[in-house]
Amino acid sequence: MCLSCCCYISLRIVNHNAKIAEVGFMIKVSAQGKGVGSKALKLIKQYAFDTLMLNKLVAFCSVHNSGSFNLLEKEDFSRERCLKQNTLINNHYRDDYAYGLCNPAL
């Protein structure tokens, strides 16, 4: 999905039985801080919970990516844990935060 070609967001079901999907997003620097990410995340949450009837959404981001984790927290995701050395970037292991949001209607 592209909102004005400045925000890309995806939804991938990772556990069909438990009805859990992973959300991922990228927001161009020129669009950051303008509410585009919040709008996209609100739409994907609505689709995931109201249309697909999913139980939970999960998301992951670098512990250094304050823009991403602030957006997730603004949209009611809860930080569930810190995954040590979870991502390899430029031959260096990086820590990630794991976030979750349960369907409020269930």
Protein backbone atom coordinates (compact mmCIF):
# COMPACT_ATOMS: atom_id res chain seq x y z
CA MET A 1 0.00 0.00 0.00
CA CYS A 2 1.32 3.45 -0.83
CA LEU A 3 -0.04 6.66 0.68
CA SER A 4 1.08 9.47 -1.62
CA CYS A 5 4.15 7.33 -2.44
CA CYS A 6 5.81 8.35 0.81
CA CYS A 7 4.74 5.55 3.14
CA TYR A 8 4.84 1.84 2.48
CA ILE A 9 3.14 -0.58 4.84
CA SER A 10 2.70 -4.34 4.76
CA LEU A 11 0.77 -7.01 6.62
CA ARG A 12 1.98 -10.62 6.61
CA ILE A 13 0.14 -13.39 8.41
CA VAL A 14 2.78 -15.33 10.33
CA ASN A 15 0.51 -17.76 12.22
CA HIS A 16 -2.82 -18.66 10.62
CA ASN A 17 -4.03 -20.77 13.55
CA ALA A 18 -3.39 -18.07 16.16
CA LYS A 19 -4.43 -15.30 13.73
CA ILE A 20 -1.22 -13.30 14.16
CA ALA A 21 0.22 -10.97 11.52
CA GLU A 22 3.38 -8.91 11.30
CA VAL A 23 3.19 -5.25 10.32
CA GLY A 24 6.09 -3.54 8.58
CA PHE A 25 6.41 0.02 7.33
CA MET A 26 8.83 2.46 5.76
CA ILE A 27 8.28 6.21 5.70
CA LYS A 28 10.34 8.49 3.46
CA VAL A 29 12.33 11.10 5.36
CA SER A 30 10.40 13.88 3.60
CA ALA A 31 7.11 12.53 5.00
CA GLN A 32 8.21 11.80 8.56
CA GLY A 33 6.48 13.77 11.30
CA LYS A 34 3.48 14.62 9.10
CA GLY A 35 1.04 11.97 10.32
CA VAL A 36 1.30 9.77 7.24
CA GLY A 37 2.65 6.81 9.19
CA SER A 38 -0.09 7.10 11.82
CA LYS A 39 -2.77 7.20 9.14
CA ALA A 40 -1.31 4.15 7.38
CA LEU A 41 -0.97 2.19 10.63
CA LYS A 42 -4.54 3.07 11.68
CA LEU A 43 -5.85 1.79 8.32
CA ILE A 44 -3.89 -1.46 8.48
CA LYS A 45 -5.01 -2.07 12.09
CA GLN A 46 -8.64 -1.51 11.10
CA TYR A 47 -8.34 -3.89 8.15
CA ALA A 48 -6.49 -6.53 10.20
CA PHE A 49 -8.94 -6.53 13.09
CA ASP A 50 -12.28 -5.67 11.46
CA THR A 51 -11.99 -7.41 8.08
CA LEU A 52 -9.47 -10.22 8.61
CA MET A 53 -10.56 -10.77 12.23
CA LEU A 54 -6.96 -11.24 13.36
CA ASN A 55 -6.13 -11.76 17.02
CA LYS A 56 -2.80 -9.94 17.20
CA LEU A 57 -0.41 -7.73 15.28
CA VAL A 58 3.34 -7.80 15.89
CA ALA A 59 6.10 -5.46 14.74
CA PHE A 60 9.87 -5.25 15.12
CA CYS A 61 12.24 -2.29 14.94
CA SER A 62 15.77 -1.35 15.89
CA VAL A 63 16.28 -0.08 19.44
CA HIS A 64 17.87 2.96 17.78
CA ASN A 65 14.89 3.74 15.53
CA SER A 66 12.96 6.10 17.79
CA GLY A 67 10.70 7.21 14.93
CA SER A 68 9.42 3.66 14.45
CA PHE A 69 8.99 2.73 18.09
CA ASN A 70 7.38 6.09 18.90
CA LEU A 71 4.89 5.52 16.07
CA LEU A 72 4.09 2.01 17.28
CA GLU A 73 3.58 3.21 20.85
CA LYS A 74 1.41 6.12 19.64
CA GLU A 75 -0.79 3.56 17.90
CA ASP A 76 -1.20 1.50 21.09
CA PHE A 77 1.37 -1.22 20.41
CA SER A 78 3.10 -2.46 23.56
CA ARG A 79 6.81 -3.17 23.75
CA GLU A 80 6.96 -6.84 24.69
CA ARG A 81 10.70 -7.48 24.73
CA CYS A 82 14.16 -6.60 23.51
CA LEU A 83 15.68 -9.14 21.14
CA LYS A 84 19.44 -9.08 21.61
CA GLN A 85 21.63 -9.31 18.51
CA ASN A 86 18.55 -9.94 16.39
CA THR A 87 19.58 -8.25 13.13
CA LEU A 88 22.88 -8.28 11.25
CA ILE A 89 23.65 -4.93 9.54
CA ASN A 90 27.06 -4.19 8.02
CA ASN A 91 28.59 -7.16 9.86
CA HIS A 92 27.37 -5.87 13.24
CA TYR A 93 24.60 -7.42 15.30
CA ARG A 94 21.85 -5.01 16.34
CA ASP A 95 19.19 -5.27 19.02
CA ASP A 96 15.50 -4.99 18.10
CA TYR A 97 12.36 -4.27 20.04
CA ALA A 98 9.37 -6.59 19.62
CA TYR A 99 5.94 -4.96 19.78
CA GLY A 100 2.46 -6.43 19.96
CA LEU A 101 -1.14 -5.27 19.76
CA CYS A 102 -4.05 -7.58 20.55
CA ASN A 103 -7.45 -7.13 18.93
CA PRO A 104 -9.39 -5.01 21.45
CA ALA A 105 -12.69 -6.62 20.39
CA LEU A 106 -11.60 -10.14 21.39
